[in-house]
């Protein structure tokens, strides 16, 4: 399952994402990973959640990001959920490739049974039609 928290920059998506991950960890049977553009939110996350600062790993395009995500999944067979904050930034996604990258993430979710919650700094109307059905929160 892939879900989205969407809204323009500065609307409070990160707070909603942090609240969701901290709530979900209480009932999680497997491991939870939170990918972000820095370690700024480290102390706002439950200590059972693994925070990964994506820019530390020199990811420079969307294909590398997909490979990075698959690498994380391959090393943790107990991985249950992944949260992506600042998705367009950490995944190096350009607007014209958003649909393609999300389609790959959906395939990864289905194949490896990992749920994704993704924060996207775009208005709901700017998202591809097939993505809108999975919007969890629109700000």
C-alpha atoms as a PDB file:
ATOM      1  CA  UNK A   1       0.000   0.000   0.000  1.00  0.00           C
ATOM      2  CA  UNK A   2       1.228   3.469  -0.899  1.00  0.00           C
ATOM      3  CA  UNK A   3      -0.408   6.499   0.719  1.00  0.00           C
ATOM      4  CA  UNK A   4       0.288  10.206   0.350  1.00  0.00           C
ATOM      5  CA  UNK A   5       0.256  13.300   2.488  1.00  0.00           C
ATOM      6  CA  UNK A   6       0.111  16.209   0.054  1.00  0.00           C
ATOM      7  CA  UNK A   7       0.099  19.976   0.169  1.00  0.00           C
ATOM      8  CA  UNK A   8       2.201  22.924  -0.807  1.00  0.00           C
ATOM      9  CA  UNK A   9       5.433  23.675   1.030  1.00  0.00           C
ATOM     10  CA  UNK A  10       4.933  24.930   4.584  1.00  0.00           C
ATOM     11  CA  UNK A  11       1.451  23.466   5.091  1.00  0.00           C
ATOM     12  CA  UNK A  12       2.444  21.053   7.921  1.00  0.00           C
ATOM     13  CA  UNK A  13       2.896  17.752   6.091  1.00  0.00           C
ATOM     14  CA  UNK A  14       5.947  16.764   8.155  1.00  0.00           C
ATOM     15  CA  UNK A  15       4.032  17.122  11.423  1.00  0.00           C
ATOM     16  CA  UNK A  16       1.281  14.843  10.119  1.00  0.00           C
ATOM     17  CA  UNK A  17       3.876  12.343   8.884  1.00  0.00           C
ATOM     18  CA  UNK A  18       5.703  12.338  12.244  1.00  0.00           C
ATOM     19  CA  UNK A  19       2.425  11.922  14.135  1.00  0.00           C
ATOM     20  CA  UNK A  20       1.433   9.005  11.887  1.00  0.00           C
ATOM     21  CA  UNK A  21       4.747   7.149  12.165  1.00  0.00           C
ATOM     22  CA  UNK A  22       4.908   7.606  15.947  1.00  0.00           C
ATOM     23  CA  UNK A  23       1.342   6.314  16.280  1.00  0.00           C
ATOM     24  CA  UNK A  24       1.887   3.369  13.920  1.00  0.00           C
ATOM     25  CA  UNK A  25       5.072   2.154  15.649  1.00  0.00           C
ATOM     26  CA  UNK A  26       3.032   1.216  18.733  1.00  0.00           C
ATOM     27  CA  UNK A  27       1.209  -1.519  16.786  1.00  0.00           C
ATOM     28  CA  UNK A  28       3.880  -2.383  14.227  1.00  0.00           C
ATOM     29  CA  UNK A  29       4.855  -6.050  14.075  1.00  0.00           C
ATOM     30  CA  UNK A  30       7.900  -5.354  11.904  1.00  0.00           C
ATOM     31  CA  UNK A  31      10.507  -2.634  11.480  1.00  0.00           C
ATOM     32  CA  UNK A  32       9.795   0.946  10.439  1.00  0.00           C
ATOM     33  CA  UNK A  33      12.132   3.229   8.479  1.00  0.00           C
ATOM     34  CA  UNK A  34      11.828   7.009   8.025  1.00  0.00           C
ATOM     35  CA  UNK A  35      13.728   8.598   5.127  1.00  0.00           C
ATOM     36  CA  UNK A  36      14.375  12.321   5.324  1.00  0.00           C
ATOM     37  CA  UNK A  37      16.590  15.048   3.868  1.00  0.00           C
ATOM     38  CA  UNK A  38      18.390  15.579   7.224  1.00  0.00           C
ATOM     39  CA  UNK A  39      18.486  14.358  10.824  1.00  0.00           C
ATOM     40  CA  UNK A  40      16.551  17.426  11.995  1.00  0.00           C
ATOM     41  CA  UNK A  41      13.576  15.354  13.215  1.00  0.00           C
ATOM     42  CA  UNK A  42      15.641  12.674  14.985  1.00  0.00           C
ATOM     43  CA  UNK A  43      14.383  13.568  18.449  1.00  0.00           C
ATOM     44  CA  UNK A  44      10.755  13.763  17.322  1.00  0.00           C
ATOM     45  CA  UNK A  45      10.769  10.110  16.248  1.00  0.00           C
ATOM     46  CA  UNK A  46      10.218   7.142  18.531  1.00  0.00           C
ATOM     47  CA  UNK A  47      13.578   5.414  19.116  1.00  0.00           C
ATOM     48  CA  UNK A  48      12.249   2.200  17.512  1.00  0.00           C
ATOM     49  CA  UNK A  49      12.066   3.991  14.149  1.00  0.00           C
ATOM     50  CA  UNK A  50      15.187   3.962  11.995  1.00  0.00           C
ATOM     51  CA  UNK A  51      15.908   7.414  10.567  1.00  0.00           C
ATOM     52  CA  UNK A  52      17.939   7.553   7.355  1.00  0.00           C
ATOM     53  CA  UNK A  53      19.407  10.834   6.120  1.00  0.00           C
ATOM     54  CA  UNK A  54      19.218  10.157   2.356  1.00  0.00           C
ATOM     55  CA  UNK A  55      21.629  12.903   1.136  1.00  0.00           C
ATOM     56  CA  UNK A  56      24.384  11.213   3.186  1.00  0.00           C
ATOM     57  CA  UNK A  57      24.264   8.345   0.657  1.00  0.00           C
ATOM     58  CA  UNK A  58      24.826  10.551  -2.425  1.00  0.00           C
ATOM     59  CA  UNK A  59      21.535   9.686  -4.136  1.00  0.00           C
ATOM     60  CA  UNK A  60      21.421  11.939  -7.191  1.00  0.00           C
ATOM     61  CA  UNK A  61      18.465  10.775  -9.319  1.00  0.00           C
ATOM     62  CA  UNK A  62      15.196   8.880  -9.034  1.00  0.00           C
ATOM     63  CA  UNK A  63      16.640   5.587 -10.326  1.00  0.00           C
ATOM     64  CA  UNK A  64      19.333   5.675  -7.641  1.00  0.00           C
ATOM     65  CA  UNK A  65      16.635   6.417  -5.056  1.00  0.00           C
ATOM     66  CA  UNK A  66      14.597   3.370  -6.122  1.00  0.00           C
ATOM     67  CA  UNK A  67      17.765   1.256  -5.898  1.00  0.00           C
ATOM     68  CA  UNK A  68      18.473   2.731  -2.461  1.00  0.00           C
ATOM     69  CA  UNK A  69      14.979   1.800  -1.245  1.00  0.00           C
ATOM     70  CA  UNK A  70      15.336  -1.732  -2.643  1.00  0.00           C
ATOM     71  CA  UNK A  71      18.696  -2.044  -0.877  1.00  0.00           C
ATOM     72  CA  UNK A  72      17.093  -1.129   2.445  1.00  0.00           C
ATOM     73  CA  UNK A  73      14.328  -3.680   1.874  1.00  0.00           C
ATOM     74  CA  UNK A  74      16.808  -6.404   0.875  1.00  0.00           C
ATOM     75  CA  UNK A  75      18.708  -5.996   4.142  1.00  0.00           C
ATOM     76  CA  UNK A  76      15.654  -6.098   6.420  1.00  0.00           C
ATOM     77  CA  UNK A  77      13.208  -8.954   5.898  1.00  0.00           C
ATOM     78  CA  UNK A  78      11.161  -7.683   8.856  1.00  0.00           C
ATOM     79  CA  UNK A  79      10.567  -4.276   7.271  1.00  0.00           C
ATOM     80  CA  UNK A  80       6.893  -3.368   7.495  1.00  0.00           C
ATOM     81  CA  UNK A  81       6.653   0.348   6.737  1.00  0.00           C
ATOM     82  CA  UNK A  82       8.672   3.124   5.117  1.00  0.00           C
ATOM     83  CA  UNK A  83       7.952   6.821   5.470  1.00  0.00           C
ATOM     84  CA  UNK A  84       9.368   9.371   3.011  1.00  0.00           C
ATOM     85  CA  UNK A  85       9.487  13.011   4.085  1.00  0.00           C
ATOM     86  CA  UNK A  86      10.260  15.661   1.437  1.00  0.00           C
ATOM     87  CA  UNK A  87       9.795  12.993  -1.233  1.00  0.00           C
ATOM     88  CA  UNK A  88      10.490  15.147  -4.288  1.00  0.00           C
ATOM     89  CA  UNK A  89      13.738  16.290  -2.695  1.00  0.00           C
ATOM     90  CA  UNK A  90      15.102  12.993  -1.305  1.00  0.00           C
ATOM     91  CA  UNK A  91      14.076  10.983  -4.381  1.00  0.00           C
ATOM     92  CA  UNK A  92      15.401  13.596  -6.828  1.00  0.00           C
ATOM     93  CA  UNK A  93      12.096  13.410  -8.683  1.00  0.00           C
ATOM     94  CA  UNK A  94      11.244  15.860 -11.435  1.00  0.00           C
ATOM     95  CA  UNK A  95       7.567  16.620 -12.031  1.00  0.00           C
ATOM     96  CA  UNK A  96       7.505  14.777 -15.376  1.00  0.00           C
ATOM     97  CA  UNK A  97       8.750  11.517 -13.829  1.00  0.00           C
ATOM     98  CA  UNK A  98       6.587  11.503 -10.687  1.00  0.00           C
ATOM     99  CA  UNK A  99       4.058   9.029 -12.077  1.00  0.00           C
ATOM    100  CA  UNK A 100       6.789   6.590 -13.197  1.00  0.00           C
ATOM    101  CA  UNK A 101       8.584   6.672  -9.826  1.00  0.00           C
ATOM    102  CA  UNK A 102       5.363   6.197  -7.866  1.00  0.00           C
ATOM    103  CA  UNK A 103       4.432   3.251 -10.111  1.00  0.00           C
ATOM    104  CA  UNK A 104       7.771   1.608  -9.226  1.00  0.00           C
ATOM    105  CA  UNK A 105       7.191   2.209  -5.518  1.00  0.00           C
ATOM    106  CA  UNK A 106       3.733   0.623  -5.821  1.00  0.00           C
ATOM    107  CA  UNK A 107       5.276  -2.471  -7.456  1.00  0.00           C
ATOM    108  CA  UNK A 108       7.907  -2.661  -4.703  1.00  0.00           C
ATOM    109  CA  UNK A 109       5.164  -2.374  -2.071  1.00  0.00           C
ATOM    110  CA  UNK A 110       3.198  -5.239  -3.611  1.00  0.00           C
ATOM    111  CA  UNK A 111       6.180  -7.515  -4.171  1.00  0.00           C
ATOM    112  CA  UNK A 112       7.853  -7.097  -0.779  1.00  0.00           C
ATOM    113  CA  UNK A 113       4.760  -6.338   1.357  1.00  0.00           C
ATOM    114  CA  UNK A 114       6.093  -3.016   2.623  1.00  0.00           C
ATOM    115  CA  UNK A 115       3.699  -0.105   3.179  1.00  0.00           C
ATOM    116  CA  UNK A 116       4.790   3.398   2.168  1.00  0.00           C
ATOM    117  CA  UNK A 117       3.560   6.768   3.423  1.00  0.00           C
ATOM    118  CA  UNK A 118       4.937   9.595   1.316  1.00  0.00           C
ATOM    119  CA  UNK A 119       4.914  13.343   1.907  1.00  0.00           C
ATOM    120  CA  UNK A 120       4.758  15.292  -1.380  1.00  0.00           C
ATOM    121  CA  UNK A 121       5.073  19.082  -1.633  1.00  0.00           C
ATOM    122  CA  UNK A 122       2.492  19.517  -4.345  1.00  0.00           C
ATOM    123  CA  UNK A 123      -1.136  20.546  -4.287  1.00  0.00           C
ATOM    124  CA  UNK A 124      -3.556  17.664  -4.801  1.00  0.00           C
ATOM    125  CA  UNK A 125      -4.548  19.094  -8.191  1.00  0.00           C
ATOM    126  CA  UNK A 126      -0.927  18.832  -9.408  1.00  0.00           C
ATOM    127  CA  UNK A 127      -0.740  15.078  -8.821  1.00  0.00           C
ATOM    128  CA  UNK A 128      -1.426  12.469 -11.513  1.00  0.00           C
ATOM    129  CA  UNK A 129      -5.014  11.198 -11.432  1.00  0.00           C
ATOM    130  CA  UNK A 130      -4.062   7.623 -10.445  1.00  0.00           C
ATOM    131  CA  UNK A 131      -2.126   8.933  -7.402  1.00  0.00           C
ATOM    132  CA  UNK A 132      -5.036  10.947  -6.014  1.00  0.00           C
ATOM    133  CA  UNK A 133      -6.963   7.827  -4.985  1.00  0.00           C
ATOM    134  CA  UNK A 134      -4.287   7.079  -2.369  1.00  0.00           C
ATOM    135  CA  UNK A 135      -4.200  10.487  -0.683  1.00  0.00           C
ATOM    136  CA  UNK A 136      -4.356  10.106   3.082  1.00  0.00           C
ATOM    137  CA  UNK A 137      -4.220  13.829   3.949  1.00  0.00           C
ATOM    138  CA  UNK A 138      -4.460  16.837   1.649  1.00  0.00           C
ATOM    139  CA  UNK A 139      -3.454  20.183   3.152  1.00  0.00           C
END
